[in-house]
Amino acid sequence: MKKRLILKVLGLLLLLPMFSGCNDTDDVAGIFTGKTWKLTYITKANGHGWYNFPDIADESNVMEYINGKKTFMLVFSGSVEDDIIQGTFTGSGAINTNGTWSANGKNQEFGMKVEKGTPIDSKDRIAEKILEGMRKANSYKGSDSRNLYLYYQTDKEDLCLVFAPN
């Protein structure tokens, strides 16, 4: 009798998580704000490692980012209303930039309006690709501490700006 009662209580305890509510909304403030994001690489959507841009023949530009000679950082600020966060951003390093942005925690839609964006080095083709990605970004994936992925589409492929906390 005592064993049956214990088994019933354990059974009910195991079912409890099933009846509790599930939140399918990202913590957009936790993902974007409160940290500085450093560009790790630009890749094909769901890829890993630097994308080989067909219109950039000189690999030394990519190597400057790989070896840390050039970097790009993003800082987001904003406020959340319902599942949407919007605010301003600043970028520094290889590009001095700023503008506005918004993200939807339910469907991972994302957008940036680059108000100012100028590569420090006019010959830096990767900086141009970063700006292109920022202007075209339409969705994100991220965690609140590890990685931020900003997805965008080009004429030929779906690409992604990959960031890690600095």
N, C-alpha and C. Protein backbone atom coordinates (compact mmCIF):
# COMPACT_ATOMS: atom_id res chain seq x y z
N MET A 1 0.82 -1.19 0.00
CA MET A 1 0.00 0.00 0.00
C MET A 1 0.87 1.25 0.00
N LYS A 2 1.90 1.25 0.85
CA LYS A 2 2.78 2.39 0.94
C LYS A 2 3.56 2.57 -0.37
N LYS A 3 3.97 1.44 -0.98
CA LYS A 3 4.69 1.50 -2.24
C LYS A 3 3.81 2.07 -3.34
N ARG A 4 2.53 1.71 -3.36
CA ARG A 4 1.59 2.22 -4.36
C ARG A 4 1.44 3.73 -4.24
N LEU A 5 1.32 4.21 -3.03
CA LEU A 5 1.18 5.64 -2.80
C LEU A 5 2.43 6.39 -3.29
N ILE A 6 3.58 5.83 -2.98
CA ILE A 6 4.84 6.46 -3.41
C ILE A 6 4.91 6.47 -4.93
N LEU A 7 4.54 5.37 -5.59
CA LEU A 7 4.56 5.31 -7.05
C LEU A 7 3.58 6.30 -7.67
N LYS A 8 2.40 6.46 -7.07
CA LYS A 8 1.43 7.44 -7.58
C LYS A 8 1.95 8.87 -7.46
N VAL A 9 2.55 9.16 -6.32
CA VAL A 9 3.10 10.51 -6.11
C VAL A 9 4.24 10.77 -7.09
N LEU A 10 5.11 9.79 -7.26
CA LEU A 10 6.21 9.94 -8.22
C LEU A 10 5.66 10.11 -9.64
N GLY A 11 4.65 9.35 -9.98
CA GLY A 11 4.03 9.47 -11.30
C GLY A 11 3.46 10.85 -11.53
N LEU A 12 2.78 11.38 -10.53
CA LEU A 12 2.23 12.73 -10.65
C LEU A 12 3.32 13.78 -10.76
N LEU A 13 4.40 13.61 -10.01
CA LEU A 13 5.52 14.54 -10.08
C LEU A 13 6.18 14.51 -11.46
N LEU A 14 6.27 13.32 -12.06
CA LEU A 14 6.86 13.21 -13.38
C LEU A 14 5.97 13.85 -14.46
N LEU A 15 4.67 13.87 -14.25
CA LEU A 15 3.75 14.48 -15.21
C LEU A 15 3.65 15.99 -15.06
N LEU A 16 4.06 16.53 -13.94
CA LEU A 16 3.93 17.96 -13.66
C LEU A 16 4.55 18.85 -14.75
N PRO A 17 5.77 18.56 -15.22
CA PRO A 17 6.33 19.42 -16.27
C PRO A 17 5.48 19.46 -17.54
N MET A 18 4.77 18.37 -17.81
CA MET A 18 3.93 18.31 -18.99
C MET A 18 2.76 19.29 -18.90
N PHE A 19 2.29 19.54 -17.71
CA PHE A 19 1.14 20.42 -17.53
C PHE A 19 1.53 21.88 -17.32
N SER A 20 2.79 22.13 -17.08
CA SER A 20 3.20 23.52 -16.88
C SER A 20 3.36 24.18 -18.24
N GLY A 21 3.20 25.49 -18.29
CA GLY A 21 3.26 26.23 -19.53
C GLY A 21 4.65 26.23 -20.13
N CYS A 22 4.71 26.30 -21.45
CA CYS A 22 5.97 26.33 -22.16
C CYS A 22 6.08 27.68 -22.86
N ASN A 23 7.17 28.36 -22.64
CA ASN A 23 7.38 29.66 -23.25
C ASN A 23 8.21 29.47 -24.51
N ASP A 24 7.61 29.76 -25.67
CA ASP A 24 8.32 29.59 -26.93
C ASP A 24 8.83 30.92 -27.48
N THR A 25 9.09 31.86 -26.61
CA THR A 25 9.59 33.17 -26.99
C THR A 25 11.02 33.34 -26.49
N ASP A 26 11.89 33.84 -27.38
CA ASP A 26 13.28 34.09 -26.99
C ASP A 26 13.35 35.25 -25.99
N ASP A 27 14.34 35.21 -25.13
CA ASP A 27 14.65 36.33 -24.25
C ASP A 27 15.49 37.31 -25.05
N VAL A 28 14.82 38.15 -25.86
CA VAL A 28 15.54 39.02 -26.78
C VAL A 28 16.45 40.01 -26.07
N ALA A 29 16.04 40.52 -24.93
CA ALA A 29 16.91 41.44 -24.19
C ALA A 29 18.16 40.70 -23.72
N GLY A 30 18.00 39.49 -23.24
CA GLY A 30 19.14 38.70 -22.78
C GLY A 30 20.08 38.31 -23.92
N ILE A 31 19.53 38.11 -25.10
CA ILE A 31 20.37 37.74 -26.25
C ILE A 31 21.17 38.93 -26.74
N PHE A 32 20.51 40.05 -26.97
CA PHE A 32 21.17 41.15 -27.66
C PHE A 32 21.88 42.15 -26.75
N THR A 33 21.28 42.50 -25.63
CA THR A 33 21.80 43.62 -24.85
C THR A 33 22.70 43.17 -23.70
N GLY A 34 23.48 44.12 -23.19
CA GLY A 34 24.31 43.85 -22.02
C GLY A 34 25.67 43.24 -22.33
N LYS A 35 26.03 43.19 -23.60
CA LYS A 35 27.33 42.61 -23.97
C LYS A 35 27.79 43.24 -25.27
N THR A 36 29.05 43.04 -25.57
CA THR A 36 29.62 43.45 -26.84
C THR A 36 29.81 42.19 -27.67
N TRP A 37 29.24 42.20 -28.88
CA TRP A 37 29.35 41.06 -29.79
C TRP A 37 30.50 41.30 -30.76
N LYS A 38 31.39 40.31 -30.90
CA LYS A 38 32.53 40.40 -31.82
C LYS A 38 32.30 39.47 -33.00
N LEU A 39 32.47 39.99 -34.22
CA LEU A 39 32.32 39.17 -35.41
C LEU A 39 33.34 38.03 -35.39
N THR A 40 32.86 36.82 -35.56
CA THR A 40 33.73 35.65 -35.62
C THR A 40 34.04 35.32 -37.08
N TYR A 41 32.98 35.25 -37.91
CA TYR A 41 33.15 34.99 -39.33
C TYR A 41 31.83 35.22 -40.05
N ILE A 42 31.92 35.23 -41.37
CA ILE A 42 30.75 35.25 -42.24
C ILE A 42 30.73 33.90 -42.93
N THR A 43 29.57 33.25 -42.94
CA THR A 43 29.50 31.90 -43.47
C THR A 43 28.20 31.70 -44.24
N LYS A 44 28.09 30.57 -44.93
CA LYS A 44 26.81 30.18 -45.51
C LYS A 44 25.86 29.91 -44.36
N ALA A 45 24.58 30.10 -44.59
CA ALA A 45 23.60 29.81 -43.55
C ALA A 45 23.80 28.39 -43.06
N ASN A 46 23.87 28.22 -41.76
CA ASN A 46 24.08 26.92 -41.10
C ASN A 46 25.46 26.32 -41.38
N GLY A 47 26.39 27.13 -41.83
CA GLY A 47 27.75 26.65 -42.08
C GLY A 47 28.68 27.04 -40.94
N HIS A 48 29.91 26.65 -41.07
CA HIS A 48 30.94 26.98 -40.09
C HIS A 48 32.19 27.39 -40.84
N GLY A 49 32.84 28.42 -40.39
CA GLY A 49 34.06 28.89 -41.03
C GLY A 49 33.79 29.94 -42.09
N TRP A 50 34.80 30.64 -42.46
CA TRP A 50 34.67 31.77 -43.38
C TRP A 50 34.14 31.34 -44.74
N TYR A 51 33.21 32.13 -45.24
CA TYR A 51 32.67 31.95 -46.59
C TYR A 51 33.70 32.42 -47.60
N ASN A 52 33.82 31.70 -48.70
CA ASN A 52 34.75 32.07 -49.77
C ASN A 52 33.99 32.94 -50.77
N PHE A 53 34.08 34.26 -50.59
CA PHE A 53 33.39 35.19 -51.47
C PHE A 53 33.99 35.11 -52.87
N PRO A 54 33.19 34.79 -53.89
CA PRO A 54 33.74 34.64 -55.23
C PRO A 54 34.28 35.95 -55.81
N ASP A 55 33.80 37.08 -55.31
CA ASP A 55 34.26 38.37 -55.85
C ASP A 55 35.44 38.96 -55.06
N ILE A 56 35.99 38.19 -54.12
CA ILE A 56 37.17 38.64 -53.38
C ILE A 56 38.28 37.63 -53.64
N ALA A 57 39.19 37.99 -54.55
CA ALA A 57 40.26 37.07 -54.93
C ALA A 57 41.41 37.08 -53.92
N ASP A 58 41.61 38.22 -53.25
CA ASP A 58 42.73 38.37 -52.32
C ASP A 58 42.34 37.85 -50.94
N GLU A 59 42.87 36.70 -50.56
CA GLU A 59 42.54 36.09 -49.27
C GLU A 59 43.19 36.81 -48.10
N SER A 60 44.11 37.72 -48.34
CA SER A 60 44.78 38.40 -47.23
C SER A 60 43.80 39.23 -46.42
N ASN A 61 42.74 39.74 -47.06
CA ASN A 61 41.74 40.52 -46.33
C ASN A 61 41.03 39.66 -45.28
N VAL A 62 40.66 38.44 -45.64
CA VAL A 62 40.04 37.52 -44.69
C VAL A 62 41.03 37.18 -43.58
N MET A 63 42.28 36.97 -43.95
CA MET A 63 43.30 36.61 -42.97
C MET A 63 43.47 37.70 -41.91
N GLU A 64 43.27 38.95 -42.27
CA GLU A 64 43.37 40.04 -41.29
C GLU A 64 42.32 39.87 -40.19
N TYR A 65 41.16 39.34 -40.53
CA TYR A 65 40.11 39.09 -39.53
C TYR A 65 40.41 37.81 -38.76
N ILE A 66 40.89 36.80 -39.45
CA ILE A 66 41.19 35.53 -38.79
C ILE A 66 42.29 35.71 -37.74
N ASN A 67 43.34 36.45 -38.08
CA ASN A 67 44.46 36.61 -37.14
C ASN A 67 44.26 37.76 -36.16
N GLY A 68 43.11 38.44 -36.22
CA GLY A 68 42.80 39.47 -35.24
C GLY A 68 43.35 40.85 -35.55
N LYS A 69 44.00 41.00 -36.69
CA LYS A 69 44.51 42.32 -37.06
C LYS A 69 43.35 43.30 -37.26
N LYS A 70 42.23 42.78 -37.79
CA LYS A 70 41.01 43.57 -37.95
C LYS A 70 39.89 42.88 -37.19
N THR A 71 39.03 43.68 -36.59
CA THR A 71 37.88 43.14 -35.86
C THR A 71 36.67 44.02 -36.13
N PHE A 72 35.52 43.50 -35.77
CA PHE A 72 34.30 44.29 -35.82
C PHE A 72 33.45 43.92 -34.61
N MET A 73 33.01 44.93 -33.87
CA MET A 73 32.20 44.75 -32.66
C MET A 73 30.85 45.44 -32.82
N LEU A 74 29.82 44.83 -32.23
CA LEU A 74 28.47 45.41 -32.21
C LEU A 74 27.98 45.47 -30.77
N VAL A 75 27.34 46.59 -30.43
CA VAL A 75 26.69 46.74 -29.13
C VAL A 75 25.26 47.17 -29.40
N PHE A 76 24.31 46.41 -28.83
CA PHE A 76 22.88 46.70 -28.98
C PHE A 76 22.34 47.28 -27.68
N SER A 77 21.44 48.24 -27.80
CA SER A 77 20.66 48.69 -26.65
C SER A 77 19.22 48.77 -27.10
N GLY A 78 18.31 48.59 -26.17
CA GLY A 78 16.91 48.65 -26.56
C GLY A 78 15.99 48.29 -25.43
N SER A 79 14.72 48.36 -25.73
CA SER A 79 13.70 48.02 -24.74
C SER A 79 12.71 47.04 -25.36
N VAL A 80 12.13 46.22 -24.49
CA VAL A 80 11.24 45.15 -24.92
C VAL A 80 9.80 45.55 -24.63
N GLU A 81 8.93 45.32 -25.60
CA GLU A 81 7.49 45.45 -25.41
C GLU A 81 6.87 44.21 -26.03
N ASP A 82 6.16 43.46 -25.22
CA ASP A 82 5.63 42.15 -25.62
C ASP A 82 6.81 41.27 -26.01
N ASP A 83 6.86 40.79 -27.26
CA ASP A 83 7.94 39.91 -27.69
C ASP A 83 8.93 40.63 -28.61
N ILE A 84 8.81 41.94 -28.72
CA ILE A 84 9.63 42.71 -29.65
C ILE A 84 10.57 43.62 -28.88
N ILE A 85 11.83 43.62 -29.32
CA ILE A 85 12.80 44.56 -28.77
C ILE A 85 13.23 45.46 -29.92
N GLN A 86 13.40 46.72 -29.61
CA GLN A 86 13.93 47.65 -30.61
C GLN A 86 14.77 48.69 -29.91
N GLY A 87 15.71 49.22 -30.66
CA GLY A 87 16.60 50.21 -30.07
C GLY A 87 17.65 50.65 -31.04
N THR A 88 18.82 50.97 -30.50
CA THR A 88 19.92 51.45 -31.32
C THR A 88 21.10 50.50 -31.21
N PHE A 89 22.01 50.61 -32.17
CA PHE A 89 23.25 49.83 -32.12
C PHE A 89 24.41 50.73 -32.52
N THR A 90 25.58 50.34 -32.08
CA THR A 90 26.82 50.97 -32.54
C THR A 90 27.79 49.85 -32.92
N GLY A 91 28.56 50.12 -33.94
CA GLY A 91 29.58 49.18 -34.38
C GLY A 91 30.92 49.87 -34.42
N SER A 92 31.97 49.13 -34.08
CA SER A 92 33.30 49.72 -34.07
C SER A 92 34.33 48.69 -34.51
N GLY A 93 35.50 49.18 -34.81
CA GLY A 93 36.59 48.33 -35.27
C GLY A 93 36.84 48.64 -36.72
N ALA A 94 36.66 47.66 -37.59
CA ALA A 94 36.90 47.86 -39.02
C ALA A 94 35.87 48.79 -39.65
N ILE A 95 34.74 48.97 -38.98
CA ILE A 95 33.67 49.84 -39.48
C ILE A 95 33.17 50.68 -38.32
N ASN A 96 33.02 51.95 -38.55
CA ASN A 96 32.31 52.80 -37.59
C ASN A 96 30.88 52.92 -38.10
N THR A 97 29.94 52.45 -37.31
CA THR A 97 28.56 52.42 -37.77
C THR A 97 27.61 52.62 -36.60
N ASN A 98 26.41 53.04 -36.92
CA ASN A 98 25.34 53.09 -35.94
C ASN A 98 24.01 53.07 -36.67
N GLY A 99 22.95 52.90 -35.90
CA GLY A 99 21.63 52.86 -36.49
C GLY A 99 20.61 52.30 -35.52
N THR A 100 19.51 51.82 -36.08
CA THR A 100 18.43 51.25 -35.29
C THR A 100 18.24 49.78 -35.67
N TRP A 101 17.58 49.05 -34.78
CA TRP A 101 17.37 47.63 -35.00
C TRP A 101 16.12 47.18 -34.27
N SER A 102 15.62 46.01 -34.65
CA SER A 102 14.51 45.39 -33.93
C SER A 102 14.58 43.87 -34.12
N ALA A 103 14.04 43.16 -33.14
CA ALA A 103 14.00 41.69 -33.20
C ALA A 103 12.71 41.22 -32.59
N ASN A 104 12.16 40.16 -33.14
CA ASN A 104 10.93 39.56 -32.66
C ASN A 104 11.27 38.22 -32.01
N GLY A 105 10.99 38.10 -30.72
CA GLY A 105 11.33 36.90 -29.98
C GLY A 105 10.50 35.69 -30.32
N LYS A 106 9.35 35.88 -30.95
CA LYS A 106 8.50 34.73 -31.30
C LYS A 106 8.91 34.08 -32.61
N ASN A 107 9.19 34.89 -33.63
CA ASN A 107 9.48 34.31 -34.94
C ASN A 107 10.91 34.57 -35.42
N GLN A 108 11.75 35.17 -34.60
CA GLN A 108 13.16 35.45 -34.87
C GLN A 108 13.38 36.38 -36.07
N GLU A 109 12.37 37.20 -36.39
CA GLU A 109 12.60 38.22 -37.42
C GLU A 109 13.53 39.27 -36.85
N PHE A 110 14.35 39.85 -37.73
CA PHE A 110 15.36 40.80 -37.31
C PHE A 110 15.57 41.82 -38.42
N GLY A 111 15.85 43.05 -38.04
CA GLY A 111 16.16 44.07 -39.03
C GLY A 111 17.05 45.14 -38.45
N MET A 112 17.88 45.70 -39.32
CA MET A 112 18.78 46.80 -38.94
C MET A 112 18.65 47.90 -39.98
N LYS A 113 18.63 49.12 -39.51
CA LYS A 113 18.72 50.27 -40.41
C LYS A 113 20.05 50.95 -40.10
N VAL A 114 20.99 50.80 -41.02
CA VAL A 114 22.32 51.38 -40.85
C VAL A 114 22.23 52.85 -41.25
N GLU A 115 22.37 53.72 -40.25
CA GLU A 115 22.29 55.16 -40.53
C GLU A 115 23.64 55.71 -40.96
N LYS A 116 24.69 55.17 -40.37
CA LYS A 116 26.06 55.55 -40.74
C LYS A 116 26.86 54.26 -40.78
N GLY A 117 27.64 54.09 -41.83
CA GLY A 117 28.47 52.90 -41.92
C GLY A 117 29.61 53.12 -42.88
N THR A 118 30.78 53.28 -42.33
CA THR A 118 31.95 53.55 -43.14
C THR A 118 33.12 52.66 -42.73
N PRO A 119 33.62 51.82 -43.67
CA PRO A 119 34.82 51.06 -43.35
C PRO A 119 36.00 52.00 -43.10
N ILE A 120 36.82 51.66 -42.11
CA ILE A 120 38.01 52.45 -41.79
C ILE A 120 38.98 52.43 -42.97
N ASP A 121 39.13 51.26 -43.60
CA ASP A 121 40.02 51.08 -44.75
C ASP A 121 39.15 50.94 -45.99
N SER A 122 39.27 51.85 -46.94
CA SER A 122 38.42 51.83 -48.14
C SER A 122 38.67 50.59 -49.01
N LYS A 123 39.78 49.88 -48.80
CA LYS A 123 40.08 48.67 -49.56
C LYS A 123 39.62 47.40 -48.85
N ASP A 124 38.99 47.53 -47.70
CA ASP A 124 38.56 46.38 -46.90
C ASP A 124 37.25 45.82 -47.45
N ARG A 125 37.36 44.80 -48.30
CA ARG A 125 36.18 44.20 -48.93
C ARG A 125 35.33 43.42 -47.92
N ILE A 126 35.96 42.86 -46.90
CA ILE A 126 35.21 42.14 -45.87
C ILE A 126 34.33 43.12 -45.09
N ALA A 127 34.85 44.30 -44.80
CA ALA A 127 34.04 45.32 -44.13
C ALA A 127 32.81 45.65 -44.96
N GLU A 128 32.96 45.72 -46.27
CA GLU A 128 31.81 45.95 -47.15
C GLU A 128 30.80 44.82 -47.03
N LYS A 129 31.29 43.59 -46.93
CA LYS A 129 30.41 42.42 -46.80
C LYS A 129 29.69 42.43 -45.44
N ILE A 130 30.37 42.90 -44.41
CA ILE A 130 29.73 43.02 -43.09
C ILE A 130 28.59 44.03 -43.17
N LEU A 131 28.85 45.17 -43.78
CA LEU A 131 27.80 46.19 -43.93
C LEU A 131 26.63 45.67 -44.75
N GLU A 132 26.93 44.94 -45.83
CA GLU A 132 25.87 44.34 -46.64
C GLU A 132 25.01 43.41 -45.79
N GLY A 133 25.67 42.57 -45.00
CA GLY A 133 24.93 41.65 -44.14
C GLY A 133 24.06 42.37 -43.12
N MET A 134 24.59 43.43 -42.55
CA MET A 134 23.81 44.19 -41.57
C MET A 134 22.58 44.83 -42.23
N ARG A 135 22.76 45.37 -43.42
CA ARG A 135 21.64 46.03 -44.12
C ARG A 135 20.57 45.04 -44.56
N LYS A 136 20.99 43.82 -44.88
CA LYS A 136 20.05 42.82 -45.40
C LYS A 136 19.57 41.82 -44.35
N ALA A 137 20.07 41.91 -43.14
CA ALA A 137 19.71 40.92 -42.10
C ALA A 137 18.19 40.87 -41.94
N ASN A 138 17.65 39.64 -41.93
CA ASN A 138 16.20 39.48 -41.82
C ASN A 138 15.77 38.50 -40.73
N SER A 139 16.72 37.79 -40.14
CA SER A 139 16.37 36.88 -39.05
C SER A 139 17.62 36.64 -38.19
N TYR A 140 17.38 36.08 -37.02
CA TYR A 140 18.49 35.80 -36.09
C TYR A 140 18.25 34.48 -35.40
N LYS A 141 19.31 33.95 -34.87
CA LYS A 141 19.28 32.86 -33.90
C LYS A 141 20.33 33.23 -32.87
N GLY A 142 20.08 32.90 -31.63
CA GLY A 142 21.07 33.25 -30.63
C GLY A 142 20.75 32.65 -29.29
N SER A 143 21.76 32.71 -28.45
CA SER A 143 21.59 32.34 -27.06
C SER A 143 21.96 33.57 -26.27
N ASP A 144 21.71 33.56 -25.00
CA ASP A 144 22.00 34.76 -24.22
C ASP A 144 23.47 34.88 -23.84
N SER A 145 24.30 33.89 -24.19
CA SER A 145 25.69 34.00 -23.76
C SER A 145 26.72 33.48 -24.75
N ARG A 146 26.33 32.70 -25.73
CA ARG A 146 27.34 32.02 -26.55
C ARG A 146 27.52 32.59 -27.95
N ASN A 147 26.47 32.64 -28.72
CA ASN A 147 26.59 33.03 -30.13
C ASN A 147 25.38 33.84 -30.58
N LEU A 148 25.61 34.64 -31.58
CA LEU A 148 24.54 35.39 -32.24
C LEU A 148 24.73 35.21 -33.73
N TYR A 149 23.67 34.77 -34.41
CA TYR A 149 23.70 34.55 -35.85
C TYR A 149 22.71 35.51 -36.50
N LEU A 150 23.20 36.37 -37.40
CA LEU A 150 22.34 37.28 -38.16
C LEU A 150 22.31 36.80 -39.61
N TYR A 151 21.15 36.33 -40.05
CA TYR A 151 21.00 35.74 -41.37
C TYR A 151 20.55 36.79 -42.39
N TYR A 152 21.07 36.65 -43.61
CA TYR A 152 20.67 37.55 -44.69
C TYR A 152 20.80 36.82 -46.03
N GLN A 153 20.13 37.38 -47.03
CA GLN A 153 20.13 36.77 -48.35
C GLN A 153 20.86 37.67 -49.34
N THR A 154 21.68 37.04 -50.17
CA THR A 154 22.29 37.73 -51.30
C THR A 154 21.57 37.24 -52.55
N ASP A 155 22.01 37.70 -53.71
CA ASP A 155 21.40 37.24 -54.96
C ASP A 155 21.61 35.75 -55.18
N LYS A 156 22.71 35.22 -54.61
CA LYS A 156 23.08 33.83 -54.89
C LYS A 156 22.88 32.88 -53.73
N GLU A 157 23.06 33.37 -52.48
CA GLU A 157 23.07 32.45 -51.35
C GLU A 157 22.52 33.10 -50.09
N ASP A 158 22.18 32.25 -49.14
CA ASP A 158 21.83 32.71 -47.80
C ASP A 158 23.09 32.67 -46.96
N LEU A 159 23.44 33.81 -46.36
CA LEU A 159 24.66 33.92 -45.57
C LEU A 159 24.33 34.31 -44.14
N CYS A 160 25.36 34.31 -43.31
CA CYS A 160 25.17 34.58 -41.90
C CYS A 160 26.39 35.28 -41.31
N LEU A 161 26.13 36.36 -40.57
CA LEU A 161 27.17 37.00 -39.77
C LEU A 161 27.16 36.29 -38.42
N VAL A 162 28.29 35.75 -38.01
CA VAL A 162 28.38 34.99 -36.77
C VAL A 162 29.17 35.81 -35.74
N PHE A 163 28.57 36.01 -34.56
CA PHE A 163 29.19 36.79 -33.49
C PHE A 163 29.32 35.94 -32.24
N ALA A 164 30.32 36.27 -31.44
CA ALA A 164 30.50 35.69 -30.11
C ALA A 164 30.72 36.86 -29.14
N PRO A 165 30.40 36.67 -27.85
CA PRO A 165 30.65 37.77 -26.91
C PRO A 165 32.13 38.07 -26.80
N ASN A 166 32.44 39.34 -26.70
CA ASN A 166 33.84 39.74 -26.58
C ASN A 166 34.28 39.70 -25.13
